[in-house]
Amino acid sequence: MSSTASTTLRELVLITGISGSGKSVALHALEDAGYFCVDNLPAELLEPCVQLEHEKFTPRVAIAADVRAAQSLPLLKPALARLRDQGVTVRPIFLDASTDTLVRRFSETRRRHPLSDPQAADPTAQRALIEAIELERELLAELRETSTIIDTSELRPAQLRQWTRQIVQAPAAALTLVFESFAFKRGVPLDADYVFDVRMLPNPYYDPELRPHTGRDAPVIAYLRQQPEVDEMLAQIEAFLRRWLPAFEQDQRAYLTVAVGCTGGQHRSVYLVEQLAQRFRARGSTLIRHRELDARDATS
């Protein structure tokens, strides 16, 4: 690619992940946001595709790649490195989901997993499907380690579209902090780098007047600010993150996801996520995710 390409083509978003985790939904969200999108592109064609779109003056390109092109997967990371060297901003996004969720999705859609044995007598059997999913995790493990991860296990399509757009809108140069609240009763997010359990803190849920509210509402905020344990927990999480963030930045990490969980994902975890994001906003890019509240808002 010529030197002109590095000044014209600004961004390449690479969508990878486990089959059934929502790559098509994420790619459609980027297409709606103005990206030129290509699904299931072999790694050998990645650089020629970028070159072609440069010649057409396309500034933003999104590519989806997965195990359907398994033989060319080892070529993907070197190709991305060469594009970065040429001045292209590369944003790798990896979509993941729990095995139970993936099994349910394949069962509901009656789709064959791309790594299923077509000669098997019963290729849709649960055992064969789980083995295919685990093999896929092994094949994609290296890509997962260098990508921004979104756990779609508990996400509705509207949430996934929203979170995908948040990632590509965030500045690419520095470490982006993602603060995510969740409910332990629905499982720990797979995309979390750090998980903080705040279920031992006083719970506004047991106050009938506070129960309908969330950690973003004034009555719950006032209640939690009056609890010394909440303030102590907040200070300790903040101190921990400030101590170790420089190490992540030196490691050239693009995203760090800090997940805070309580029982229902409505009061305590939401409050702490909002407060942490406010305290760290001055240092750079921050994103806020409320897994349970966003799911509720998506259906309202």
C-alpha atoms as a PDB file:
ATOM      1  CA  MET A   1       0.000   0.000   0.000  1.00  0.00           C
ATOM      2  CA  SER A   2       1.305   3.437  -0.851  1.00  0.00           C
ATOM      3  CA  SER A   3       1.983   6.126   1.734  1.00  0.00           C
ATOM      4  CA  THR A   4      -1.192   7.878   0.608  1.00  0.00           C
ATOM      5  CA  ALA A   5      -3.205   4.957   1.921  1.00  0.00           C
ATOM      6  CA  SER A   6      -2.162   5.573   5.493  1.00  0.00           C
ATOM      7  CA  THR A   7      -3.546   9.101   5.366  1.00  0.00           C
ATOM      8  CA  THR A   8      -6.795   8.146   3.616  1.00  0.00           C
ATOM      9  CA  LEU A   9      -7.848   4.844   5.138  1.00  0.00           C
ATOM     10  CA  ARG A  10      -8.230   5.630   8.798  1.00  0.00           C
ATOM     11  CA  GLU A  11      -9.834   2.588  10.342  1.00  0.00           C
ATOM     12  CA  LEU A  12     -10.329  -1.155  10.011  1.00  0.00           C
ATOM     13  CA  VAL A  13     -12.646  -2.936  12.436  1.00  0.00           C
ATOM     14  CA  LEU A  14     -12.112  -6.687  12.590  1.00  0.00           C
ATOM     15  CA  ILE A  15     -15.051  -8.669  13.974  1.00  0.00           C
ATOM     16  CA  THR A  16     -14.139 -12.182  15.103  1.00  0.00           C
ATOM     17  CA  GLY A  17     -15.542 -14.535  17.684  1.00  0.00           C
ATOM     18  CA  ILE A  18     -17.310 -17.766  18.447  1.00  0.00           C
ATOM     19  CA  SER A  19     -19.940 -18.968  15.978  1.00  0.00           C
ATOM     20  CA  GLY A  20     -23.384 -18.009  17.233  1.00  0.00           C
ATOM     21  CA  SER A  21     -22.105 -15.090  19.332  1.00  0.00           C
ATOM     22  CA  GLY A  22     -23.645 -12.355  17.167  1.00  0.00           C
ATOM     23  CA  LYS A  23     -21.059 -11.364  14.560  1.00  0.00           C
ATOM     24  CA  SER A  24     -23.735 -10.694  11.940  1.00  0.00           C
ATOM     25  CA  VAL A  25     -25.570  -8.358  14.329  1.00  0.00           C
ATOM     26  CA  ALA A  26     -22.365  -6.428  15.083  1.00  0.00           C
ATOM     27  CA  LEU A  27     -21.447  -6.202  11.420  1.00  0.00           C
ATOM     28  CA  HIS A  28     -24.895  -4.884  10.499  1.00  0.00           C
ATOM     29  CA  ALA A  29     -24.551  -2.245  13.247  1.00  0.00           C
ATOM     30  CA  LEU A  30     -21.302  -1.052  11.677  1.00  0.00           C
ATOM     31  CA  GLU A  31     -22.847  -1.067   8.222  1.00  0.00           C
ATOM     32  CA  ASP A  32     -25.641   1.166   9.522  1.00  0.00           C
ATOM     33  CA  ALA A  33     -22.943   3.446  10.992  1.00  0.00           C
ATOM     34  CA  GLY A  34     -21.375   3.995   7.581  1.00  0.00           C
ATOM     35  CA  TYR A  35     -18.720   1.270   7.416  1.00  0.00           C
ATOM     36  CA  PHE A  36     -18.036  -0.752   4.288  1.00  0.00           C
ATOM     37  CA  CYS A  37     -18.561  -4.314   5.554  1.00  0.00           C
ATOM     38  CA  VAL A  38     -17.420  -7.719   4.313  1.00  0.00           C
ATOM     39  CA  ASP A  39     -18.387 -10.991   5.996  1.00  0.00           C
ATOM     40  CA  ASN A  40     -16.263 -14.155   6.110  1.00  0.00           C
ATOM     41  CA  LEU A  41     -13.239 -12.682   4.360  1.00  0.00           C
ATOM     42  CA  PRO A  42     -10.210 -15.034   4.182  1.00  0.00           C
ATOM     43  CA  ALA A  43      -7.049 -13.553   5.692  1.00  0.00           C
ATOM     44  CA  GLU A  44      -5.265 -13.736   2.331  1.00  0.00           C
ATOM     45  CA  LEU A  45      -7.709 -11.163   0.959  1.00  0.00           C
ATOM     46  CA  LEU A  46      -7.580  -8.731   3.888  1.00  0.00           C
ATOM     47  CA  GLU A  47      -4.829  -6.456   2.576  1.00  0.00           C
ATOM     48  CA  PRO A  48      -6.073  -6.469  -1.056  1.00  0.00           C
ATOM     49  CA  CYS A  49      -9.544  -5.566   0.230  1.00  0.00           C
ATOM     50  CA  VAL A  50      -8.176  -2.662   2.249  1.00  0.00           C
ATOM     51  CA  GLN A  51      -6.155  -1.510  -0.752  1.00  0.00           C
ATOM     52  CA  LEU A  52      -9.212  -1.657  -3.009  1.00  0.00           C
ATOM     53  CA  GLU A  53     -11.336   0.361  -0.595  1.00  0.00           C
ATOM     54  CA  HIS A  54      -8.520   2.924  -0.304  1.00  0.00           C
ATOM     55  CA  GLU A  55      -8.624   3.367  -4.036  1.00  0.00           C
ATOM     56  CA  LYS A  56     -12.385   3.963  -3.732  1.00  0.00           C
ATOM     57  CA  PHE A  57     -11.719   6.513  -0.915  1.00  0.00           C
ATOM     58  CA  THR A  58     -13.539   4.452   1.731  1.00  0.00           C
ATOM     59  CA  PRO A  59     -12.259   5.673   5.141  1.00  0.00           C
ATOM     60  CA  ARG A  60     -13.898   3.043   7.368  1.00  0.00           C
ATOM     61  CA  VAL A  61     -13.924  -0.690   6.689  1.00  0.00           C
ATOM     62  CA  ALA A  62     -15.269  -3.553   8.828  1.00  0.00           C
ATOM     63  CA  ILE A  63     -14.362  -7.180   8.192  1.00  0.00           C
ATOM     64  CA  ALA A  64     -15.802 -10.306   9.821  1.00  0.00           C
ATOM     65  CA  ALA A  65     -13.520 -13.353   9.945  1.00  0.00           C
ATOM     66  CA  ASP A  66     -14.065 -16.651  11.741  1.00  0.00           C
ATOM     67  CA  VAL A  67     -13.404 -20.391  11.582  1.00  0.00           C
ATOM     68  CA  ARG A  68     -15.248 -20.746   8.287  1.00  0.00           C
ATOM     69  CA  ALA A  69     -11.844 -19.740   6.895  1.00  0.00           C
ATOM     70  CA  ALA A  70      -9.943 -21.756   9.498  1.00  0.00           C
ATOM     71  CA  GLN A  71      -6.957 -22.611   7.297  1.00  0.00           C
ATOM     72  CA  SER A  72      -6.109 -18.944   6.780  1.00  0.00           C
ATOM     73  CA  LEU A  73      -6.548 -17.849  10.419  1.00  0.00           C
ATOM     74  CA  PRO A  74      -2.776 -17.997  11.172  1.00  0.00           C
ATOM     75  CA  LEU A  75      -2.283 -15.380   8.451  1.00  0.00           C
ATOM     76  CA  LEU A  76      -4.649 -12.898  10.071  1.00  0.00           C
ATOM     77  CA  LYS A  77      -2.460 -11.463  12.836  1.00  0.00           C
ATOM     78  CA  PRO A  78       0.568 -10.827  10.566  1.00  0.00           C
ATOM     79  CA  ALA A  79      -1.716  -9.110   8.068  1.00  0.00           C
ATOM     80  CA  LEU A  80      -3.125  -6.864  10.800  1.00  0.00           C
ATOM     81  CA  ALA A  81       0.407  -6.010  11.964  1.00  0.00           C
ATOM     82  CA  ARG A  82       1.389  -4.975   8.444  1.00  0.00           C
ATOM     83  CA  LEU A  83      -1.689  -2.761   8.150  1.00  0.00           C
ATOM     84  CA  ARG A  84      -0.838  -1.073  11.452  1.00  0.00           C
ATOM     85  CA  ASP A  85       2.689  -0.447  10.188  1.00  0.00           C
ATOM     86  CA  GLN A  86       1.141   1.283   7.186  1.00  0.00           C
ATOM     87  CA  GLY A  87      -0.781   3.674   9.437  1.00  0.00           C
ATOM     88  CA  VAL A  88      -4.170   1.945   9.504  1.00  0.00           C
ATOM     89  CA  THR A  89      -6.018   2.064  12.841  1.00  0.00           C
ATOM     90  CA  VAL A  90      -7.044  -1.530  13.543  1.00  0.00           C
ATOM     91  CA  ARG A  91      -9.781  -2.273  16.077  1.00  0.00           C
ATOM     92  CA  PRO A  92     -10.204  -6.027  16.708  1.00  0.00           C
ATOM     93  CA  ILE A  93     -13.488  -6.946  18.423  1.00  0.00           C
ATOM     94  CA  PHE A  94     -14.062 -10.496  19.676  1.00  0.00           C
ATOM     95  CA  LEU A  95     -17.589 -11.702  20.419  1.00  0.00           C
ATOM     96  CA  ASP A  96     -17.965 -14.496  22.943  1.00  0.00           C
ATOM     97  CA  ALA A  97     -20.755 -16.260  24.796  1.00  0.00           C
ATOM     98  CA  SER A  98     -21.104 -19.058  27.315  1.00  0.00           C
ATOM     99  CA  THR A  99     -21.216 -22.598  25.948  1.00  0.00           C
ATOM    100  CA  ASP A 100     -24.738 -23.124  27.318  1.00  0.00           C
ATOM    101  CA  THR A 101     -25.920 -20.009  25.472  1.00  0.00           C
ATOM    102  CA  LEU A 102     -24.294 -21.111  22.223  1.00  0.00           C
ATOM    103  CA  VAL A 103     -25.807 -24.589  22.443  1.00  0.00           C
ATOM    104  CA  ARG A 104     -29.244 -23.058  22.972  1.00  0.00           C
ATOM    105  CA  ARG A 105     -28.847 -20.683  20.031  1.00  0.00           C
ATOM    106  CA  PHE A 106     -27.762 -23.427  17.650  1.00  0.00           C
ATOM    107  CA  SER A 107     -30.646 -25.581  18.839  1.00  0.00           C
ATOM    108  CA  GLU A 108     -33.170 -22.794  18.297  1.00  0.00           C
ATOM    109  CA  THR A 109     -31.930 -21.941  14.798  1.00  0.00           C
ATOM    110  CA  ARG A 110     -31.187 -25.559  13.775  1.00  0.00           C
ATOM    111  CA  ARG A 111     -27.939 -24.361  12.205  1.00  0.00           C
ATOM    112  CA  ARG A 112     -24.899 -26.606  11.834  1.00  0.00           C
ATOM    113  CA  HIS A 113     -21.756 -25.435  13.587  1.00  0.00           C
ATOM    114  CA  PRO A 114     -19.038 -24.714  10.964  1.00  0.00           C
ATOM    115  CA  LEU A 115     -16.701 -27.207  12.664  1.00  0.00           C
ATOM    116  CA  SER A 116     -19.303 -29.967  12.927  1.00  0.00           C
ATOM    117  CA  ASP A 117     -18.423 -33.212  11.211  1.00  0.00           C
ATOM    118  CA  PRO A 118     -20.681 -33.421   8.134  1.00  0.00           C
ATOM    119  CA  GLN A 119     -20.203 -37.207   8.140  1.00  0.00           C
ATOM    120  CA  ALA A 120     -21.468 -37.618  11.704  1.00  0.00           C
ATOM    121  CA  ALA A 121     -24.672 -39.582  12.074  1.00  0.00           C
ATOM    122  CA  ASP A 122     -26.171 -36.907  14.300  1.00  0.00           C
ATOM    123  CA  PRO A 123     -24.197 -33.663  13.786  1.00  0.00           C
ATOM    124  CA  THR A 124     -26.634 -31.633  15.882  1.00  0.00           C
ATOM    125  CA  ALA A 125     -26.195 -33.783  18.981  1.00  0.00           C
ATOM    126  CA  GLN A 126     -25.289 -31.712  22.026  1.00  0.00           C
ATOM    127  CA  ARG A 127     -22.039 -33.550  22.747  1.00  0.00           C
ATOM    128  CA  ALA A 128     -20.761 -33.076  19.196  1.00  0.00           C
ATOM    129  CA  LEU A 129     -21.788 -29.425  19.255  1.00  0.00           C
ATOM    130  CA  ILE A 130     -19.990 -28.724  22.540  1.00  0.00           C
ATOM    131  CA  GLU A 131     -16.844 -30.390  21.198  1.00  0.00           C
ATOM    132  CA  ALA A 132     -17.013 -28.186  18.103  1.00  0.00           C
ATOM    133  CA  ILE A 133     -17.427 -25.058  20.242  1.00  0.00           C
ATOM    134  CA  GLU A 134     -14.445 -25.960  22.419  1.00  0.00           C
ATOM    135  CA  LEU A 135     -12.300 -26.641  19.339  1.00  0.00           C
ATOM    136  CA  GLU A 136     -13.319 -23.252  17.972  1.00  0.00           C
ATOM    137  CA  ARG A 137     -12.273 -21.578  21.237  1.00  0.00           C
ATOM    138  CA  GLU A 138      -8.820 -23.155  20.890  1.00  0.00           C
ATOM    139  CA  LEU A 139      -8.439 -22.022  17.285  1.00  0.00           C
ATOM    140  CA  LEU A 140      -9.426 -18.433  18.119  1.00  0.00           C
ATOM    141  CA  ALA A 141      -7.670 -18.118  21.502  1.00  0.00           C
ATOM    142  CA  GLU A 142      -4.763 -16.056  20.156  1.00  0.00           C
ATOM    143  CA  LEU A 143      -7.076 -13.582  18.432  1.00  0.00           C
ATOM    144  CA  ARG A 144      -9.182 -13.287  21.578  1.00  0.00           C
ATOM    145  CA  GLU A 145      -6.171 -12.249  23.664  1.00  0.00           C
ATOM    146  CA  THR A 146      -5.481  -9.200  21.485  1.00  0.00           C
ATOM    147  CA  SER A 147      -9.076  -8.052  20.976  1.00  0.00           C
ATOM    148  CA  THR A 148     -11.735  -6.068  22.771  1.00  0.00           C
ATOM    149  CA  ILE A 149     -14.138  -8.723  24.060  1.00  0.00           C
ATOM    150  CA  ILE A 150     -17.926  -8.480  24.238  1.00  0.00           C
ATOM    151  CA  ASP A 151     -19.773 -11.218  26.104  1.00  0.00           C
ATOM    152  CA  THR A 152     -23.115 -11.590  24.324  1.00  0.00           C
ATOM    153  CA  SER A 153     -24.507 -14.338  26.580  1.00  0.00           C
ATOM    154  CA  GLU A 154     -27.055 -12.047  28.226  1.00  0.00           C
ATOM    155  CA  LEU A 155     -27.269  -9.370  25.522  1.00  0.00           C
ATOM    156  CA  ARG A 156     -30.195  -8.616  23.295  1.00  0.00           C
ATOM    157  CA  PRO A 157     -29.395  -7.660  19.679  1.00  0.00           C
ATOM    158  CA  ALA A 158     -30.172  -3.997  20.417  1.00  0.00           C
ATOM    159  CA  GLN A 159     -27.607  -4.011  23.242  1.00  0.00           C
ATOM    160  CA  LEU A 160     -24.951  -5.616  21.059  1.00  0.00           C
ATOM    161  CA  ARG A 161     -25.504  -3.019  18.348  1.00  0.00           C
ATOM    162  CA  GLN A 162     -25.212  -0.241  20.933  1.00  0.00           C
ATOM    163  CA  TRP A 163     -22.036  -1.628  22.541  1.00  0.00           C
ATOM    164  CA  THR A 164     -20.390  -2.195  19.146  1.00  0.00           C
ATOM    165  CA  ARG A 165     -21.020   1.410  18.170  1.00  0.00           C
ATOM    166  CA  GLN A 166     -19.617   2.581  21.520  1.00  0.00           C
ATOM    167  CA  ILE A 167     -16.350   0.742  20.905  1.00  0.00           C
ATOM    168  CA  VAL A 168     -15.733   2.180  17.448  1.00  0.00           C
ATOM    169  CA  GLN A 169     -16.638   5.694  18.601  1.00  0.00           C
ATOM    170  CA  ALA A 170     -14.095   5.644  21.455  1.00  0.00           C
ATOM    171  CA  PRO A 171     -10.641   7.166  20.826  1.00  0.00           C
ATOM    172  CA  ALA A 172      -8.215   4.542  19.537  1.00  0.00           C
ATOM    173  CA  ALA A 173      -4.934   5.994  20.739  1.00  0.00           C
ATOM    174  CA  ALA A 174      -5.117   5.415  24.496  1.00  0.00           C
ATOM    175  CA  LEU A 175      -6.405   2.774  26.895  1.00  0.00           C
ATOM    176  CA  THR A 176     -10.192   2.870  27.148  1.00  0.00           C
ATOM    177  CA  LEU A 177     -11.700   1.945  30.499  1.00  0.00           C
ATOM    178  CA  VAL A 178     -14.995   0.060  30.327  1.00  0.00           C
ATOM    179  CA  PHE A 179     -17.035  -0.017  33.542  1.00  0.00           C
ATOM    180  CA  GLU A 180     -19.777  -2.641  33.472  1.00  0.00           C
ATOM    181  CA  SER A 181     -22.445  -3.460  36.052  1.00  0.00           C
ATOM    182  CA  PHE A 182     -24.051  -6.883  36.148  1.00  0.00           C
ATOM    183  CA  ALA A 183     -26.153  -9.282  38.226  1.00  0.00           C
ATOM    184  CA  PHE A 184     -24.396 -12.336  39.640  1.00  0.00           C
ATOM    185  CA  LYS A 185     -27.624 -14.305  39.286  1.00  0.00           C
ATOM    186  CA  ARG A 186     -27.178 -14.001  35.494  1.00  0.00           C
ATOM    187  CA  GLY A 187     -23.503 -14.906  35.494  1.00  0.00           C
ATOM    188  CA  VAL A 188     -20.170 -13.089  35.417  1.00  0.00           C
ATOM    189  CA  PRO A 189     -19.407 -11.370  32.063  1.00  0.00           C
ATOM    190  CA  LEU A 190     -16.841 -13.234  29.993  1.00  0.00           C
ATOM    191  CA  ASP A 191     -15.370  -9.944  28.805  1.00  0.00           C
ATOM    192  CA  ALA A 192     -14.367  -8.776  32.298  1.00  0.00           C
ATOM    193  CA  ASP A 193     -10.679  -8.197  33.058  1.00  0.00           C
ATOM    194  CA  TYR A 194     -11.410  -7.406  36.715  1.00  0.00           C
ATOM    195  CA  VAL A 195     -14.500  -8.463  38.676  1.00  0.00           C
ATOM    196  CA  PHE A 196     -15.525  -6.799  41.936  1.00  0.00           C
ATOM    197  CA  ASP A 197     -18.246  -8.377  44.070  1.00  0.00           C
ATOM    198  CA  VAL A 198     -20.245  -5.763  46.011  1.00  0.00           C
ATOM    199  CA  ARG A 199     -23.062  -8.011  47.260  1.00  0.00           C
ATOM    200  CA  MET A 200     -21.934  -7.499  50.860  1.00  0.00           C
ATOM    201  CA  LEU A 201     -22.841  -3.799  50.745  1.00  0.00           C
ATOM    202  CA  PRO A 202     -26.170  -2.474  52.116  1.00  0.00           C
ATOM    203  CA  ASN A 203     -28.892  -3.242  49.575  1.00  0.00           C
ATOM    204  CA  PRO A 204     -31.482  -0.580  48.638  1.00  0.00           C
ATOM    205  CA  TYR A 205     -33.678  -3.356  47.267  1.00  0.00           C
ATOM    206  CA  TYR A 206     -34.980  -4.081  50.759  1.00  0.00           C
ATOM    207  CA  ASP A 207     -36.394  -0.569  51.084  1.00  0.00           C
ATOM    208  CA  PRO A 208     -39.810  -0.619  49.341  1.00  0.00           C
ATOM    209  CA  GLU A 209     -39.459   3.033  48.349  1.00  0.00           C
ATOM    210  CA  LEU A 210     -36.037   2.476  46.750  1.00  0.00           C
ATOM    211  CA  ARG A 211     -36.735  -0.877  45.099  1.00  0.00           C
ATOM    212  CA  PRO A 212     -38.237   0.529  41.852  1.00  0.00           C
ATOM    213  CA  HIS A 213     -35.300   2.899  41.372  1.00  0.00           C
ATOM    214  CA  THR A 214     -31.776   2.222  40.081  1.00  0.00           C
ATOM    215  CA  GLY A 215     -28.268   3.277  41.032  1.00  0.00           C
ATOM    216  CA  ARG A 216     -28.603   6.207  38.634  1.00  0.00           C
ATOM    217  CA  ASP A 217     -31.575   7.690  40.477  1.00  0.00           C
ATOM    218  CA  ALA A 218     -31.255  10.362  43.157  1.00  0.00           C
ATOM    219  CA  PRO A 219     -32.969   8.446  46.028  1.00  0.00           C
ATOM    220  CA  VAL A 220     -30.684   5.421  45.646  1.00  0.00           C
ATOM    221  CA  ILE A 221     -27.614   7.626  45.203  1.00  0.00           C
ATOM    222  CA  ALA A 222     -28.458   9.502  48.416  1.00  0.00           C
ATOM    223  CA  TYR A 223     -28.987   6.241  50.303  1.00  0.00           C
ATOM    224  CA  LEU A 224     -25.705   4.650  49.177  1.00  0.00           C
ATOM    225  CA  ARG A 225     -23.695   7.799  49.837  1.00  0.00           C
ATOM    226  CA  GLN A 226     -24.772   7.580  53.467  1.00  0.00           C
ATOM    227  CA  GLN A 227     -23.263   4.091  53.857  1.00  0.00           C
ATOM    228  CA  PRO A 228     -19.604   4.154  55.016  1.00  0.00           C
ATOM    229  CA  GLU A 229     -18.956   0.680  53.560  1.00  0.00           C
ATOM    230  CA  VAL A 230     -19.971   1.850  50.091  1.00  0.00           C
ATOM    231  CA  ASP A 231     -17.608   4.802  50.188  1.00  0.00           C
ATOM    232  CA  GLU A 232     -14.791   2.569  51.458  1.00  0.00           C
ATOM    233  CA  MET A 233     -15.357   0.005  48.697  1.00  0.00           C
ATOM    234  CA  LEU A 234     -15.413   2.733  46.060  1.00  0.00           C
ATOM    235  CA  ALA A 235     -12.150   4.213  47.344  1.00  0.00           C
ATOM    236  CA  GLN A 236     -10.426   0.835  47.431  1.00  0.00           C
ATOM    237  CA  ILE A 237     -11.434  -0.081  43.862  1.00  0.00           C
ATOM    238  CA  GLU A 238     -10.302   3.334  42.659  1.00  0.00           C
ATOM    239  CA  ALA A 239      -6.931   2.992  44.416  1.00  0.00           C
ATOM    240  CA  PHE A 240      -6.407  -0.477  42.981  1.00  0.00           C
ATOM    241  CA  LEU A 241      -7.118   0.659  39.428  1.00  0.00           C
ATOM    242  CA  ARG A 242      -4.926   3.752  39.687  1.00  0.00           C
ATOM    243  CA  ARG A 243      -2.071   1.564  40.933  1.00  0.00           C
ATOM    244  CA  TRP A 244      -2.238  -0.889  38.016  1.00  0.00           C
ATOM    245  CA  LEU A 245      -3.545   1.139  35.062  1.00  0.00           C
ATOM    246  CA  PRO A 246      -0.039   2.329  34.054  1.00  0.00           C
ATOM    247  CA  ALA A 247       1.029  -1.308  33.682  1.00  0.00           C
ATOM    248  CA  PHE A 248      -1.841  -1.988  31.294  1.00  0.00           C
ATOM    249  CA  GLU A 249      -1.007   1.138  29.316  1.00  0.00           C
ATOM    250  CA  GLN A 250       2.633   0.080  29.026  1.00  0.00           C
ATOM    251  CA  ASP A 251       1.393  -3.299  27.778  1.00  0.00           C
ATOM    252  CA  GLN A 252      -0.366  -1.379  24.969  1.00  0.00           C
ATOM    253  CA  ARG A 253      -3.802  -2.628  25.908  1.00  0.00           C
ATOM    254  CA  ALA A 254      -6.600  -0.881  24.027  1.00  0.00           C
ATOM    255  CA  TYR A 255      -9.418  -1.726  26.462  1.00  0.00           C
ATOM    256  CA  LEU A 256      -9.723  -2.738  30.100  1.00  0.00           C
ATOM    257  CA  THR A 257     -13.110  -3.930  31.333  1.00  0.00           C
ATOM    258  CA  VAL A 258     -13.897  -3.533  35.037  1.00  0.00           C
ATOM    259  CA  ALA A 259     -17.042  -5.421  36.000  1.00  0.00           C
ATOM    260  CA  VAL A 260     -18.900  -4.668  39.236  1.00  0.00           C
ATOM    261  CA  GLY A 261     -21.573  -7.129  40.288  1.00  0.00           C
ATOM    262  CA  CYS A 262     -24.358  -7.257  42.829  1.00  0.00           C
ATOM    263  CA  THR A 263     -27.373  -9.534  43.188  1.00  0.00           C
ATOM    264  CA  GLY A 264     -29.764  -7.904  40.736  1.00  0.00           C
ATOM    265  CA  GLY A 265     -27.540  -5.521  38.785  1.00  0.00           C
ATOM    266  CA  GLN A 266     -29.857  -2.604  39.491  1.00  0.00           C
ATOM    267  CA  HIS A 267     -28.728  -0.636  42.551  1.00  0.00           C
ATOM    268  CA  ARG A 268     -25.268  -1.111  44.091  1.00  0.00           C
ATOM    269  CA  SER A 269     -23.281  -2.194  41.041  1.00  0.00           C
ATOM    270  CA  VAL A 270     -24.895   0.488  38.889  1.00  0.00           C
ATOM    271  CA  TYR A 271     -24.075   3.191  41.444  1.00  0.00           C
ATOM    272  CA  LEU A 272     -20.422   2.112  41.769  1.00  0.00           C
ATOM    273  CA  VAL A 273     -19.949   1.902  37.996  1.00  0.00           C
ATOM    274  CA  GLU A 274     -21.341   5.412  37.539  1.00  0.00           C
ATOM    275  CA  GLN A 275     -19.115   6.774  40.309  1.00  0.00           C
ATOM    276  CA  LEU A 276     -15.979   5.021  39.034  1.00  0.00           C
ATOM    277  CA  ALA A 277     -16.543   6.263  35.497  1.00  0.00           C
ATOM    278  CA  GLN A 278     -16.915   9.800  36.834  1.00  0.00           C
ATOM    279  CA  ARG A 279     -13.674   9.547  38.834  1.00  0.00           C
ATOM    280  CA  PHE A 280     -11.654   8.178  35.900  1.00  0.00           C
ATOM    281  CA  ARG A 281     -13.149  10.288  33.135  1.00  0.00           C
ATOM    282  CA  ALA A 282     -10.432  12.931  33.471  1.00  0.00           C
ATOM    283  CA  ARG A 283      -7.667  10.429  32.604  1.00  0.00           C
ATOM    284  CA  GLY A 284      -9.087   9.523  29.187  1.00  0.00           C
ATOM    285  CA  SER A 285     -11.747   7.546  27.400  1.00  0.00           C
ATOM    286  CA  THR A 286     -14.311   5.716  29.528  1.00  0.00           C
ATOM    287  CA  LEU A 287     -17.376   3.685  28.582  1.00  0.00           C
ATOM    288  CA  ILE A 288     -20.291   2.686  30.798  1.00  0.00           C
ATOM    289  CA  ARG A 289     -22.257  -0.522  30.388  1.00  0.00           C
ATOM    290  CA  HIS A 290     -25.164  -1.646  32.549  1.00  0.00           C
ATOM    291  CA  ARG A 291     -25.881  -5.172  31.363  1.00  0.00           C
ATOM    292  CA  GLU A 292     -29.179  -5.689  33.147  1.00  0.00           C
ATOM    293  CA  LEU A 293     -30.471  -2.121  32.842  1.00  0.00           C
ATOM    294  CA  ASP A 294     -29.549  -1.948  29.148  1.00  0.00           C
ATOM    295  CA  ALA A 295     -31.468  -5.185  28.578  1.00  0.00           C
ATOM    296  CA  ARG A 296     -34.508  -3.723  30.299  1.00  0.00           C
ATOM    297  CA  ASP A 297     -34.247  -0.501  28.295  1.00  0.00           C
ATOM    298  CA  ALA A 298     -33.950  -2.492  25.060  1.00  0.00           C
ATOM    299  CA  THR A 299     -37.372  -4.036  25.673  1.00  0.00           C
ATOM    300  CA  SER A 300     -39.140  -0.873  26.816  1.00  0.00           C
END
